[in-house]
Amino acid sequence: MTYHSYQRRSRSDDFRSRSDESRRGALPFGQRSATQMDNQIPLPALPPLSPETVVQRQITDNIDALLDTLPPRISDPLRSMEDRDSLLEVVLDLGRVPEARFPGREIVVTSEEVTFADLDFVVSRIGEFGEDNRAGIERTLHRISCMRNRKGKIVGLTCRIGRAVYGTIAIIRDIIESGRSTLLLGRPGVGKTTMLREVARVLADDLKKRVVIVDTSNEIAGDGDIPHPGIGHARRMQVPRPNLQHAVMIEAVENHMPEVIIIDEIGTELEAQAARTIAERGVQLVGTAHGTSLENLMLNPTLSDLIGGIQSVTLSDEEARRRGTQKSILERKAPPTFDVVVEIQSWDEVAVQPDVAITVDAILRGRPVPAQLRTLQQTGEIKVEQARSFGPEAATPSVARPEQPSVPPARPTTPTKTLHVFAYGISHSRLDQAAQMLQLPVELVKDLEQADAVLTLKNYYRKRGTAIQEAEQAGVPVYVLKSNTLVQVQQGLASLFDLDVPPDPVEAALAETQDAINHVLTVEQPVALSPQNAYIRRLQHEMAEKYNLTSRSEGREPHRRVRISNSTRE
C-alpha cells in the first residue's frame, strides 16, 4: 500500500499558502533545536503480530435489531440481500424512495416513497431523540439521526449501522499501551469511533486500567443505561446535553479517579480547555476531534489548543535580524494536550506524529517533520516508514497567498533536462553561480512564456507585480526566496530539481547555539560549539550575551570555536 494521498494532503498547498513570516524562523516553545526537529526519532520498530491477530477480526453488528425498527416493506428487501453485512446506513426522506448505502454505491430499496407513517413507525421503536437529534436502540451501537422541518416535525431519518470490531487497534497498540495521550483524526466514516471503542476495551480488559468514557451521543457504548459489551469493563458516563460535555469531562476526573479518559468528537473551545485540564492532572487522554490532519488543527482557532495553541509574537529588531525573519511570527504557546496524533487512513493504514510538540514547532519554522507511516499487512507485520520529507520553506514552491488561488508546484525534473527559469528581482549572476556550483542545467529566460518556473523574492511577491500575476494566471510555478543570498538561490534551484536542499550554515550554527544555551541553562554544564568562521562566532557570542551567559572563543583557525558556560556556576 502506498501513502501518496497522505503526502499530498498533509503537506497541502492550502497550508503552505500561509505567510512566510508566520511560518519561518520562530524559536518555538520549549526551545527545541533545528537538529532535534530535522532528526526526529521515530517510535521503535514493532514486532510482527501473529496472523490470528489480524485475520480473525470479530465484528458484532446486531443488524437485525435495526431492521426490526423499519417498516416491513423496507426491511424485508434488506434482509434478503446477500451483502447486507456491508450495509452502512439506510436513508428515509419524506416523499423520496428509501435508499440503502453500501461502500461505494447506493441502491433503492423500494420504489414506494417514504411517508409520515413510515417515519413514525421507526420513531416509535427507538429511543428518544436528544438535543443533537440523535437516538439509538438500547444495548446496540446503531445510531438514528433525524432531520426536522421548521416546525420541529421529523421529515428524514438516517439509520446508521453500528458495529463493534475487535482487533482494530493492533497497528497503534504500542502507542495506546505507552500511556501517552493520543488524538485520533480522520475523515467522517473512516472508523475513528470504532477504534476508540476498541481502545477503551483493550485498556480496561487487557491492561486492567480504570477507564471512563465520556459518551456524548451514546455512540461509543450504545443507547440505554446498560453499555454495550464492546467497551469491555470500561465505565461510561452519559452526557445529558451536548453542550455539557466539557463539564462531564471534568466531573469524570474529580469523582471517579480514572487512569484513562476516552472522549469522542472534541469540537468546542470549552471541551479543548477541559481536555487540557485533564491532561495536566496526569490522566491519559484518548480522543477524536474534527479534522483530518495535524495541519487542520493548527488552522482551527477553536481546537488548536489541543496541539499547544498558536500565538503571534513580535520580535525586537535585533532578534528579527538574527533570525532572518519578519518581526511578527507565529509560535506555539503551550505544551500540547495530546502527545501523539494518529491520522487514520483506514484500520490498516495510519500516519503517526510521535511527538506533537516537535512537529508543530517544525511546521512553524518551515521545516515539516515527515510523519511515521504504518501499514498493517496481511502477514500480520506492521510496516513502518517515514513519509517523504520536504525542504525548508525558504525554497519551497510558493503558491498563492491566502487571498489568491493556489498554483500547482513544479514537477520534479531530472538534472539532464534544461530548466528555463525567469528570475524576477534575483541577481542573474548569483543565479548563474549557484547553478554552476550545483552543476544544474539552468537557462535564464527573459520571456515569461518560455519559463518553466519563476524565482522571486518575498518582497517582490508581496507587491504582486505584473510578472507574478501573469505567471500565476498561466500556471507557471512561482518559487519565493526570503533573501537574495547565494545559499537561498541554491536552495531554490535544488528544490526545482527535487534535490536535497543544501543547508544554510548560518542558520544551522545559530540553531546549534540555541540548543547549547538551553543545555547550559538547564544542566548548567559548559558546551563547546562546532568550529565556525569569525562572522558566525560573533553572532554566537551575541546570543550567549542575551542570556547572560559567558562565551569565549578558543582554538586556532580553522578550528576556532565558541565555548558557552554559566559564569555563576564555574
Protein backbone atom coordinates (compact mmCIF):
# COMPACT_ATOMS: atom_id res chain seq x y z
CA MET A 1 0.00 0.00 0.00
CA THR A 2 1.16 3.49 -0.70
CA TYR A 3 0.66 6.75 1.13
CA HIS A 4 0.80 9.16 -1.75
CA SER A 5 -2.60 10.52 -0.89
CA TYR A 6 -1.46 11.24 2.66
CA GLN A 7 1.67 13.03 1.50
CA ARG A 8 -0.31 15.33 -0.72
CA ARG A 9 -2.85 16.05 1.96
CA SER A 10 -0.56 16.51 4.92
CA ARG A 11 1.65 18.95 3.01
CA SER A 12 -1.24 20.52 1.16
CA ASP A 13 -0.92 23.69 -0.84
CA ASP A 14 -3.63 25.23 1.31
CA PHE A 15 -1.46 25.02 4.40
CA ARG A 16 1.72 26.06 2.64
CA SER A 17 0.00 29.23 1.46
CA ARG A 18 0.29 30.75 4.90
CA SER A 19 2.53 33.81 5.06
CA ASP A 20 6.26 33.23 5.19
CA GLU A 21 6.76 35.37 8.24
CA SER A 22 4.26 33.32 10.23
CA ARG A 23 5.95 30.02 9.46
CA ARG A 24 9.66 30.62 9.39
CA GLY A 25 12.33 31.34 11.91
CA ALA A 26 10.24 31.11 15.09
CA LEU A 27 12.03 29.95 18.20
CA PRO A 28 9.39 27.56 19.44
CA PHE A 29 8.09 26.84 22.88
CA GLY A 30 10.40 24.52 24.79
CA GLN A 31 13.44 25.86 22.87
CA ARG A 32 13.79 22.86 20.56
CA SER A 33 16.74 22.96 18.21
CA ALA A 34 16.62 22.55 14.47
CA THR A 35 18.69 19.38 14.84
CA GLN A 36 16.01 17.82 17.01
CA MET A 37 13.30 18.68 14.54
CA ASP A 38 15.12 17.53 11.44
CA ASN A 39 16.26 14.28 13.02
CA GLN A 40 13.13 13.21 14.80
CA ILE A 41 13.46 9.84 16.48
CA PRO A 42 10.57 7.65 15.37
CA LEU A 43 8.78 5.18 17.57
CA PRO A 44 10.63 1.87 17.93
CA ALA A 45 10.05 -0.82 15.35
CA LEU A 46 7.20 -3.13 16.26
CA PRO A 47 7.43 -6.90 16.49
CA PRO A 48 5.37 -8.77 13.90
CA LEU A 49 1.89 -9.70 15.01
CA SER A 50 0.61 -13.21 14.77
CA PRO A 51 -1.63 -13.82 11.73
CA GLU A 52 -4.53 -14.62 14.06
CA THR A 53 -4.38 -11.09 15.43
CA VAL A 54 -5.08 -9.66 12.02
CA VAL A 55 -7.19 -12.21 10.18
CA GLN A 56 -9.62 -13.06 12.97
CA ARG A 57 -11.23 -9.67 13.42
CA GLN A 58 -14.55 -10.16 15.12
CA ILE A 59 -17.43 -7.97 14.02
CA THR A 60 -20.62 -7.60 16.03
CA ASP A 61 -23.32 -5.51 14.41
CA ASN A 62 -26.77 -6.72 15.65
CA ILE A 63 -28.12 -5.63 12.27
CA ASP A 64 -31.43 -7.44 12.79
CA ALA A 65 -32.19 -5.15 15.72
CA LEU A 66 -32.07 -2.18 13.37
CA LEU A 67 -34.02 -3.88 10.60
CA ASP A 68 -36.78 -4.67 13.11
CA THR A 69 -37.39 -0.94 13.55
CA LEU A 70 -38.00 -0.38 9.82
CA PRO A 71 -41.36 -0.86 8.08
CA PRO A 72 -41.65 -4.39 6.62
CA ARG A 73 -41.75 -3.14 3.03
CA ILE A 74 -38.28 -1.65 3.63
CA SER A 75 -36.74 -4.23 5.97
CA ASP A 76 -37.76 -7.34 4.00
CA PRO A 77 -35.74 -6.47 0.86
CA LEU A 78 -32.75 -5.62 3.06
CA ARG A 79 -32.91 -8.96 4.88
CA SER A 80 -32.80 -10.81 1.58
CA MET A 81 -29.64 -9.09 0.36
CA GLU A 82 -26.55 -11.29 0.33
CA ASP A 83 -24.17 -8.44 1.16
CA ARG A 84 -26.23 -6.91 3.95
CA ASP A 85 -23.26 -7.37 6.30
CA SER A 86 -21.56 -4.47 4.49
CA LEU A 87 -24.60 -2.18 4.80
CA LEU A 88 -23.59 1.26 6.11
CA GLU A 89 -26.86 3.11 6.55
CA VAL A 90 -30.47 3.39 5.44
CA VAL A 91 -31.80 6.82 4.46
CA LEU A 92 -35.51 7.65 4.73
CA ASP A 93 -36.53 11.08 3.45
CA LEU A 94 -40.16 12.12 3.27
CA GLY A 95 -41.52 11.98 -0.29
CA ARG A 96 -38.48 10.14 -1.64
CA VAL A 97 -37.68 6.50 -2.21
CA PRO A 98 -35.73 4.80 0.63
CA GLU A 99 -32.05 4.20 -0.08
CA ALA A 100 -29.54 1.71 1.30
CA ARG A 101 -25.92 2.80 1.25
CA PHE A 102 -23.03 0.39 0.86
CA PRO A 103 -19.32 1.16 0.44
CA GLY A 104 -19.03 2.88 -2.92
CA ARG A 105 -22.65 2.53 -4.00
CA GLU A 106 -26.27 3.27 -3.18
CA ILE A 107 -29.34 1.23 -4.08
CA VAL A 108 -33.07 1.95 -3.99
CA VAL A 109 -34.79 -0.39 -1.54
CA THR A 110 -38.31 0.04 -2.91
CA SER A 111 -39.97 2.24 -5.48
CA GLU A 112 -42.60 3.45 -3.00
CA GLU A 113 -41.94 6.84 -1.47
CA VAL A 114 -41.44 7.34 2.27
CA THR A 115 -44.47 8.66 4.16
CA PHE A 116 -45.04 10.16 7.60
CA ALA A 117 -46.40 6.77 8.68
CA ASP A 118 -43.06 5.15 7.79
CA LEU A 119 -41.14 7.73 9.82
CA ASP A 120 -43.48 7.36 12.78
CA PHE A 121 -43.10 3.57 12.56
CA VAL A 122 -39.34 3.91 13.08
CA VAL A 123 -39.51 6.64 15.76
CA SER A 124 -41.93 4.59 17.90
CA ARG A 125 -39.45 1.69 18.04
CA ILE A 126 -36.26 3.51 19.01
CA GLY A 127 -35.09 5.63 21.93
CA GLU A 128 -35.83 9.31 22.39
CA PHE A 129 -34.04 11.92 20.33
CA GLY A 130 -31.72 14.25 22.21
CA GLU A 131 -30.85 17.86 21.53
CA ASP A 132 -28.36 16.68 18.94
CA ASN A 133 -31.23 14.94 17.05
CA ARG A 134 -29.69 11.52 17.63
CA ALA A 135 -31.31 8.42 19.04
CA GLY A 136 -30.40 4.74 19.33
CA ILE A 137 -31.58 1.25 20.06
CA GLU A 138 -30.92 0.00 23.56
CA ARG A 139 -27.82 -2.19 24.01
CA THR A 140 -26.78 -1.74 20.37
CA LEU A 141 -24.42 0.66 18.62
CA HIS A 142 -26.85 1.71 15.90
CA ARG A 143 -27.47 5.43 15.54
CA ILE A 144 -30.57 7.07 14.12
CA SER A 145 -30.31 10.75 13.25
CA CYS A 146 -33.29 12.85 12.25
CA MET A 147 -33.95 15.91 10.10
CA ARG A 148 -36.74 18.27 11.12
CA ASN A 149 -38.72 20.95 9.36
CA ARG A 150 -39.07 24.44 10.73
CA LYS A 151 -41.94 23.36 12.96
CA GLY A 152 -39.82 20.63 14.54
CA LYS A 153 -41.53 17.69 12.84
CA ILE A 154 -39.30 14.84 11.65
CA VAL A 155 -39.06 14.68 7.85
CA GLY A 156 -35.99 12.49 7.40
CA LEU A 157 -34.05 9.71 9.12
CA THR A 158 -30.52 8.39 8.70
CA CYS A 159 -30.25 4.92 10.22
CA ARG A 160 -26.56 4.14 10.58
CA ILE A 161 -25.31 0.64 11.33
CA GLY A 162 -23.09 0.49 14.42
CA ARG A 163 -20.51 -2.27 14.60
CA ALA A 164 -18.17 -3.35 17.37
CA VAL A 165 -15.00 -4.51 15.61
CA TYR A 166 -12.47 -6.28 17.81
CA GLY A 167 -8.81 -6.15 16.80
CA THR A 168 -8.78 -2.78 15.01
CA ILE A 169 -6.03 -1.11 17.07
CA ALA A 170 -3.20 -3.59 16.51
CA ILE A 171 -1.47 -1.01 14.31
CA ILE A 172 -1.30 1.58 17.14
CA ARG A 173 -1.46 -0.67 20.17
CA ASP A 174 2.08 0.19 21.28
CA ILE A 175 1.13 3.88 21.39
CA ILE A 176 -2.01 3.23 23.40
CA GLU A 177 -0.18 0.99 25.88
CA SER A 178 2.61 3.54 26.32
CA GLY A 179 0.33 5.76 28.41
CA ARG A 180 0.74 8.81 26.17
CA SER A 181 -2.31 10.90 25.38
CA THR A 182 -3.36 10.19 21.80
CA LEU A 183 -5.60 12.11 19.39
CA LEU A 184 -7.25 10.25 16.51
CA LEU A 185 -8.03 12.19 13.34
CA GLY A 186 -9.66 11.15 10.09
CA ARG A 187 -12.42 11.84 7.63
CA PRO A 188 -16.04 11.01 8.59
CA GLY A 189 -16.81 7.31 8.38
CA VAL A 190 -13.18 6.17 8.42
CA GLY A 191 -13.66 4.32 11.73
CA LYS A 192 -12.48 6.72 14.45
CA THR A 193 -15.28 5.83 16.89
CA THR A 194 -14.85 2.11 16.22
CA MET A 195 -11.15 2.33 17.06
CA LEU A 196 -11.92 4.48 20.10
CA ARG A 197 -14.31 1.82 21.40
CA GLU A 198 -11.67 -0.88 20.95
CA VAL A 199 -9.10 1.32 22.71
CA ALA A 200 -11.40 1.50 25.74
CA ARG A 201 -11.83 -2.28 25.80
CA VAL A 202 -8.12 -3.04 25.46
CA LEU A 203 -7.09 -0.59 28.18
CA ALA A 204 -9.81 -1.78 30.57
CA ASP A 205 -9.67 -5.54 29.96
CA ASP A 206 -6.13 -6.29 28.81
CA LEU A 207 -4.20 -3.64 30.77
CA LYS A 208 -6.61 -3.55 33.75
CA LYS A 209 -6.76 0.23 33.86
CA ARG A 210 -9.55 2.38 35.24
CA VAL A 211 -11.17 3.69 32.06
CA VAL A 212 -14.05 6.17 31.91
CA ILE A 213 -15.78 7.01 28.64
CA VAL A 214 -17.46 10.39 28.22
CA ASP A 215 -20.18 9.35 25.77
CA THR A 216 -21.95 12.45 24.48
CA SER A 217 -24.29 10.85 21.92
CA ASN A 218 -24.17 7.26 23.21
CA GLU A 219 -22.23 6.41 20.07
CA ILE A 220 -19.32 4.69 21.82
CA ALA A 221 -21.22 2.46 24.27
CA GLY A 222 -24.64 2.38 22.66
CA ASP A 223 -28.09 3.60 23.68
CA GLY A 224 -29.70 2.84 27.02
CA ASP A 225 -28.39 2.70 30.56
CA ILE A 226 -26.50 -0.58 30.13
CA PRO A 227 -23.41 -0.08 27.97
CA HIS A 228 -22.60 -2.29 25.00
CA PRO A 229 -20.17 -5.14 25.79
CA GLY A 230 -17.86 -3.77 23.08
CA ILE A 231 -16.27 -1.41 25.64
CA GLY A 232 -15.32 -4.27 27.97
CA HIS A 233 -15.07 -3.27 31.64
CA ALA A 234 -14.70 0.42 30.88
CA ARG A 235 -17.25 2.66 32.59
CA ARG A 236 -19.46 5.02 30.64
CA MET A 237 -20.68 8.48 31.65
CA GLN A 238 -23.59 9.78 29.61
CA VAL A 239 -23.94 13.46 28.79
CA PRO A 240 -27.41 14.99 29.27
CA ARG A 241 -26.86 17.68 26.62
CA PRO A 242 -24.06 18.05 24.04
CA ASN A 243 -23.09 21.49 25.33
CA LEU A 244 -22.33 19.96 28.73
CA GLN A 245 -19.67 17.54 27.52
CA HIS A 246 -16.84 19.67 28.94
CA ALA A 247 -18.47 19.67 32.39
CA VAL A 248 -18.89 15.88 32.36
CA MET A 249 -15.24 15.51 31.35
CA ILE A 250 -14.13 17.41 34.45
CA GLU A 251 -16.66 15.56 36.61
CA ALA A 252 -15.23 12.23 35.46
CA VAL A 253 -11.76 13.20 36.71
CA GLU A 254 -12.91 14.71 40.00
CA ASN A 255 -15.39 12.00 41.03
CA HIS A 256 -14.26 8.65 39.60
CA MET A 257 -10.43 8.56 39.78
CA PRO A 258 -9.83 7.35 36.21
CA GLU A 259 -6.44 6.42 34.80
CA VAL A 260 -7.71 6.90 31.25
CA ILE A 261 -10.49 9.06 29.82
CA ILE A 262 -11.98 8.37 26.40
CA ILE A 263 -13.59 11.30 24.58
CA ASP A 264 -15.29 11.31 21.19
CA GLU A 265 -15.58 14.40 18.97
CA ILE A 266 -13.85 17.21 20.83
CA GLY A 267 -15.34 20.14 18.96
CA THR A 268 -15.60 23.27 21.12
CA GLU A 269 -13.20 25.57 22.90
CA LEU A 270 -14.60 24.58 26.30
CA GLU A 271 -14.02 20.91 25.53
CA ALA A 272 -10.46 21.65 24.42
CA GLN A 273 -9.83 23.51 27.68
CA ALA A 274 -11.32 20.63 29.68
CA ALA A 275 -9.06 18.19 27.85
CA ARG A 276 -6.03 20.30 28.79
CA THR A 277 -7.14 20.34 32.44
CA ILE A 278 -7.44 16.56 32.42
CA ALA A 279 -4.03 16.06 30.82
CA GLU A 280 -2.39 18.38 33.36
CA ARG A 281 -3.71 16.13 36.14
CA GLY A 282 -1.74 13.19 34.78
CA VAL A 283 -4.67 11.28 33.26
CA GLN A 284 -4.14 9.60 29.89
CA LEU A 285 -6.46 11.02 27.22
CA VAL A 286 -7.57 9.19 24.09
CA GLY A 287 -9.96 11.13 21.90
CA THR A 288 -11.07 12.19 18.47
CA ALA A 289 -11.51 15.67 17.02
CA HIS A 290 -12.92 17.32 13.95
CA GLY A 291 -10.18 17.36 11.33
CA THR A 292 -8.28 15.08 9.02
CA SER A 293 -4.70 16.06 9.80
CA LEU A 294 -2.48 17.90 12.24
CA GLU A 295 -2.36 20.88 9.90
CA ASN A 296 -6.16 21.15 10.05
CA LEU A 297 -5.95 21.57 13.82
CA MET A 298 -3.25 24.21 13.52
CA LEU A 299 -5.53 26.21 11.24
CA ASN A 300 -8.54 25.74 13.54
CA PRO A 301 -8.52 28.51 16.18
CA THR A 302 -11.05 26.62 18.31
CA LEU A 303 -9.13 23.35 18.57
CA SER A 304 -5.53 24.48 18.11
CA ASP A 305 -5.10 24.39 21.89
CA LEU A 306 -5.13 20.59 21.64
CA ILE A 307 -1.70 20.77 19.99
CA GLY A 308 -0.35 23.64 22.09
CA GLY A 309 -2.08 26.63 20.52
CA ILE A 310 -0.60 29.16 18.12
CA GLN A 311 0.16 32.75 19.07
CA SER A 312 1.58 35.74 17.26
CA VAL A 313 4.84 37.10 18.67
CA THR A 314 6.50 40.40 17.84
CA LEU A 315 10.28 40.26 17.87
CA SER A 316 12.70 43.09 18.51
CA ASP A 317 14.59 44.49 15.55
CA GLU A 318 17.78 42.79 16.70
CA GLU A 319 16.13 39.41 17.18
CA ALA A 320 14.35 39.62 13.83
CA ARG A 321 17.67 40.37 12.10
CA ARG A 322 19.36 37.50 13.89
CA ARG A 323 16.69 35.03 12.86
CA GLY A 324 16.32 36.46 9.39
CA THR A 325 12.54 36.79 9.72
CA GLN A 326 9.87 39.43 9.88
CA LYS A 327 9.14 40.99 13.26
CA SER A 328 5.76 39.27 13.55
CA ILE A 329 5.95 35.46 13.65
CA LEU A 330 3.90 32.53 14.97
CA GLU A 331 4.99 30.31 17.84
CA ARG A 332 3.47 27.51 19.87
CA LYS A 333 2.34 28.98 23.15
CA ALA A 334 1.99 25.93 25.44
CA PRO A 335 2.73 22.21 25.69
CA PRO A 336 0.33 20.11 23.61
CA THR A 337 -2.62 18.45 25.33
CA PHE A 338 -2.05 15.32 23.25
CA ASP A 339 1.42 13.81 22.92
CA VAL A 340 0.69 11.78 19.77
CA VAL A 341 -1.53 12.40 16.75
CA VAL A 342 -2.73 9.48 14.63
CA GLU A 343 -4.20 10.32 11.22
CA ILE A 344 -6.37 7.37 10.22
CA GLN A 345 -6.47 6.37 6.56
CA SER A 346 -8.16 3.05 7.35
CA TRP A 347 -7.90 0.39 10.01
CA ASP A 348 -4.82 -0.92 8.21
CA GLU A 349 -3.17 2.40 7.30
CA VAL A 350 -2.32 5.27 9.64
CA ALA A 351 0.10 8.19 9.73
CA VAL A 352 1.60 8.87 13.17
CA GLN A 353 3.19 12.03 14.54
CA PRO A 354 5.00 10.54 17.57
CA ASP A 355 5.89 13.92 19.09
CA VAL A 356 3.28 16.63 18.51
CA ALA A 357 5.42 19.34 20.10
CA ILE A 358 8.35 18.73 17.75
CA THR A 359 6.08 18.51 14.72
CA VAL A 360 4.19 21.75 15.43
CA ASP A 361 7.41 23.63 16.16
CA ALA A 362 8.95 22.32 12.96
CA ILE A 363 5.98 23.34 10.82
CA LEU A 364 6.02 26.84 12.28
CA ARG A 365 9.72 27.10 11.42
CA GLY A 366 9.06 25.91 7.86
CA ARG A 367 10.74 22.54 8.47
CA PRO A 368 7.88 19.98 8.32
CA VAL A 369 8.71 16.71 10.06
CA PRO A 370 7.74 13.68 7.96
CA ALA A 371 5.08 11.51 9.55
CA GLN A 372 5.59 7.90 10.52
CA LEU A 373 3.56 5.79 8.09
CA ARG A 374 2.28 2.44 9.35
CA THR A 375 0.71 -0.31 7.26
CA LEU A 376 -0.74 -3.49 8.72
CA GLN A 377 0.00 -6.17 6.16
CA GLN A 378 -1.83 -9.45 5.58
CA THR A 379 1.09 -11.39 7.06
CA GLY A 380 0.49 -9.69 10.40
CA GLU A 381 3.57 -7.48 10.21
CA ILE A 382 3.43 -3.74 10.71
CA LYS A 383 5.44 -1.90 8.08
CA VAL A 384 6.82 1.37 9.47
CA GLU A 385 8.39 4.00 7.23
CA GLN A 386 8.87 7.75 7.11
CA ALA A 387 6.95 9.95 4.70
CA ARG A 388 9.00 11.90 2.16
CA SER A 389 10.46 15.00 3.78
CA PHE A 390 10.09 18.41 2.21
CA GLY A 391 12.82 21.02 2.05
CA PRO A 392 12.88 24.23 4.08
CA GLU A 393 10.14 26.70 3.44
CA ALA A 394 12.68 29.20 2.15
CA ALA A 395 12.97 27.23 -1.05
CA THR A 396 9.55 25.61 -1.36
CA PRO A 397 7.31 26.44 -4.29
CA SER A 398 5.22 29.35 -3.11
CA VAL A 399 1.64 29.03 -4.18
CA ALA A 400 -0.67 31.98 -3.94
CA ARG A 401 -1.10 33.58 -0.55
CA PRO A 402 -4.43 33.18 1.29
CA GLU A 403 -6.18 35.73 -0.91
CA GLN A 404 -5.10 34.05 -4.17
CA PRO A 405 -5.91 30.65 -5.70
CA SER A 406 -3.17 28.08 -5.33
CA VAL A 407 -0.76 27.35 -8.16
CA PRO A 408 0.38 23.77 -8.78
CA PRO A 409 4.01 23.20 -7.77
CA ALA A 410 6.57 22.41 -10.39
CA ARG A 411 7.05 18.80 -11.32
CA PRO A 412 10.47 17.46 -10.43
CA THR A 413 12.82 17.38 -13.37
CA THR A 414 15.98 15.45 -13.91
CA PRO A 415 19.35 17.25 -13.98
CA THR A 416 19.75 16.15 -17.62
CA LYS A 417 16.86 18.32 -18.78
CA THR A 418 17.40 22.07 -19.09
CA LEU A 419 15.08 24.11 -16.93
CA HIS A 420 14.11 27.57 -18.17
CA VAL A 421 13.91 29.99 -15.24
CA PHE A 422 12.51 33.52 -15.20
CA ALA A 423 14.31 35.48 -12.45
CA TYR A 424 12.22 38.32 -11.01
CA GLY A 425 14.19 40.50 -8.61
CA ILE A 426 17.02 37.98 -8.23
CA SER A 427 20.60 38.59 -9.29
CA HIS A 428 21.28 36.82 -12.59
CA SER A 429 24.96 36.47 -11.83
CA ARG A 430 24.21 34.90 -8.48
CA LEU A 431 21.74 32.53 -10.08
CA ASP A 432 24.31 31.50 -12.67
CA GLN A 433 26.90 30.97 -9.94
CA ALA A 434 24.51 28.81 -7.91
CA ALA A 435 23.63 26.70 -10.96
CA GLN A 436 27.32 26.14 -11.74
CA MET A 437 28.12 25.18 -8.16
CA LEU A 438 25.28 22.63 -8.11
CA GLN A 439 26.02 21.56 -11.71
CA LEU A 440 22.39 22.05 -12.76
CA PRO A 441 21.24 22.71 -16.36
CA VAL A 442 19.53 26.06 -15.81
CA GLU A 443 18.88 28.60 -18.56
CA LEU A 444 17.71 32.11 -17.73
CA VAL A 445 14.95 33.44 -19.97
CA LYS A 446 13.65 36.97 -20.39
CA ASP A 447 10.25 35.95 -21.76
CA LEU A 448 7.77 34.60 -19.23
CA GLU A 449 6.10 32.45 -21.90
CA GLN A 450 9.32 30.41 -22.24
CA ALA A 451 9.71 29.87 -18.46
CA ASP A 452 9.24 26.56 -16.68
CA ALA A 453 9.38 28.28 -13.29
CA VAL A 454 9.71 31.74 -11.74
CA LEU A 455 12.14 32.61 -8.95
CA THR A 456 11.49 35.78 -6.99
CA LEU A 457 11.97 37.37 -3.57
CA LYS A 458 9.43 37.68 -0.82
CA ASN A 459 9.10 41.45 -1.03
CA TYR A 460 8.61 41.32 -4.82
CA TYR A 461 5.95 38.65 -4.42
CA ARG A 462 4.01 40.76 -1.93
CA LYS A 463 3.88 43.69 -4.34
CA ARG A 464 2.06 41.44 -6.81
CA GLY A 465 3.88 42.75 -9.85
CA THR A 466 2.67 42.15 -13.39
CA ALA A 467 5.12 39.29 -13.93
CA ILE A 468 3.89 37.47 -10.82
CA GLN A 469 0.24 37.86 -11.79
CA GLU A 470 0.88 36.68 -15.35
CA ALA A 471 2.85 33.66 -14.11
CA GLU A 472 0.07 32.57 -11.77
CA GLN A 473 -2.58 33.07 -14.46
CA ALA A 474 -0.51 30.95 -16.86
CA GLY A 475 0.04 28.25 -14.23
CA VAL A 476 3.80 28.75 -14.08
CA PRO A 477 5.05 27.78 -10.57
CA VAL A 478 6.40 30.69 -8.54
CA TYR A 479 9.20 29.94 -6.06
CA VAL A 480 9.70 32.58 -3.37
CA LEU A 481 13.06 33.07 -1.62
CA LYS A 482 13.38 35.08 1.57
CA SER A 483 16.65 36.76 0.55
CA ASN A 484 18.94 37.26 -2.45
CA THR A 485 21.87 35.30 -0.98
CA LEU A 486 23.81 32.56 -2.69
CA VAL A 487 22.60 29.95 -0.19
CA GLN A 488 18.96 30.91 -0.73
CA VAL A 489 19.34 30.76 -4.51
CA GLN A 490 20.99 27.35 -4.22
CA GLN A 491 18.10 26.13 -2.10
CA GLY A 492 15.61 27.39 -4.65
CA LEU A 493 17.35 25.65 -7.56
CA ALA A 494 17.73 22.43 -5.59
CA SER A 495 14.02 22.47 -4.86
CA LEU A 496 13.24 22.96 -8.56
CA PHE A 497 15.16 19.78 -9.39
CA ASP A 498 13.81 17.88 -6.37
CA LEU A 499 17.32 17.54 -4.93
CA ASP A 500 18.47 17.64 -1.34
CA VAL A 501 18.44 21.27 -0.35
CA PRO A 502 21.89 22.49 0.77
CA PRO A 503 21.70 23.62 4.39
CA ASP A 504 22.17 27.23 5.41
CA PRO A 505 25.39 27.17 7.51
CA VAL A 506 24.43 30.31 9.45
CA GLU A 507 21.01 29.00 10.33
CA ALA A 508 22.39 25.62 11.37
CA ALA A 509 25.09 27.24 13.50
CA LEU A 510 22.59 29.50 15.28
CA ALA A 511 20.27 26.56 15.90
CA GLU A 512 23.19 24.66 17.45
CA THR A 513 23.96 27.73 19.59
CA GLN A 514 20.38 27.96 20.85
CA ASP A 515 20.41 24.27 21.72
CA ALA A 516 23.68 24.75 23.60
CA ILE A 517 22.25 27.73 25.52
CA ASN A 518 19.26 25.65 26.57
CA HIS A 519 21.60 22.91 27.73
CA VAL A 520 23.73 25.29 29.78
CA LEU A 521 20.68 26.89 31.39
CA THR A 522 19.14 23.51 32.21
CA VAL A 523 22.09 21.24 33.04
CA GLU A 524 24.50 24.05 33.98
CA GLN A 525 27.40 22.45 32.14
CA PRO A 526 29.59 24.25 29.57
CA VAL A 527 29.19 23.37 25.89
CA ALA A 528 31.76 23.73 23.10
CA LEU A 529 30.21 24.53 19.71
CA SER A 530 31.35 23.41 16.29
CA PRO A 531 34.16 25.42 14.66
CA GLN A 532 32.86 28.44 12.73
CA ASN A 533 34.19 31.49 10.94
CA ALA A 534 34.59 34.85 12.65
CA TYR A 535 31.24 36.23 11.49
CA ILE A 536 29.24 33.30 12.85
CA ARG A 537 31.26 33.27 16.10
CA ARG A 538 30.32 36.92 16.63
CA LEU A 539 26.64 36.02 16.25
CA GLN A 540 27.08 33.16 18.71
CA HIS A 541 28.68 35.47 21.28
CA GLU A 542 25.76 37.89 20.91
CA MET A 543 23.25 35.10 21.52
CA ALA A 544 25.06 33.96 24.67
CA GLU A 545 25.21 37.53 25.94
CA LYS A 546 21.45 37.89 25.63
CA TYR A 547 21.01 35.04 28.12
CA ASN A 548 23.64 36.46 30.49
CA LEU A 549 25.94 33.54 29.77
CA THR A 550 29.73 33.58 29.38
CA SER A 551 31.20 32.79 25.96
CA ARG A 552 34.73 32.77 24.68
CA SER A 553 36.50 31.66 21.53
CA GLU A 554 39.18 29.01 21.79
CA GLY A 555 41.45 27.12 19.39
CA ARG A 556 43.21 28.16 16.19
CA GLU A 557 41.79 28.78 12.75
CA PRO A 558 40.21 27.00 11.01
CA HIS A 559 39.21 25.03 14.14
CA ARG A 560 38.42 28.01 16.32
CA ARG A 561 35.12 27.61 18.17
CA VAL A 562 32.94 29.22 20.84
CA ARG A 563 32.55 27.77 24.31
CA ILE A 564 29.43 28.75 26.28
CA SER A 565 29.16 28.42 30.06
CA ASN A 566 27.36 29.85 33.06
CA SER A 567 29.93 32.01 34.83
CA THR A 568 27.94 31.98 38.06
CA ARG A 569 28.43 28.21 38.29
CA GLU A 570 32.08 27.99 37.33
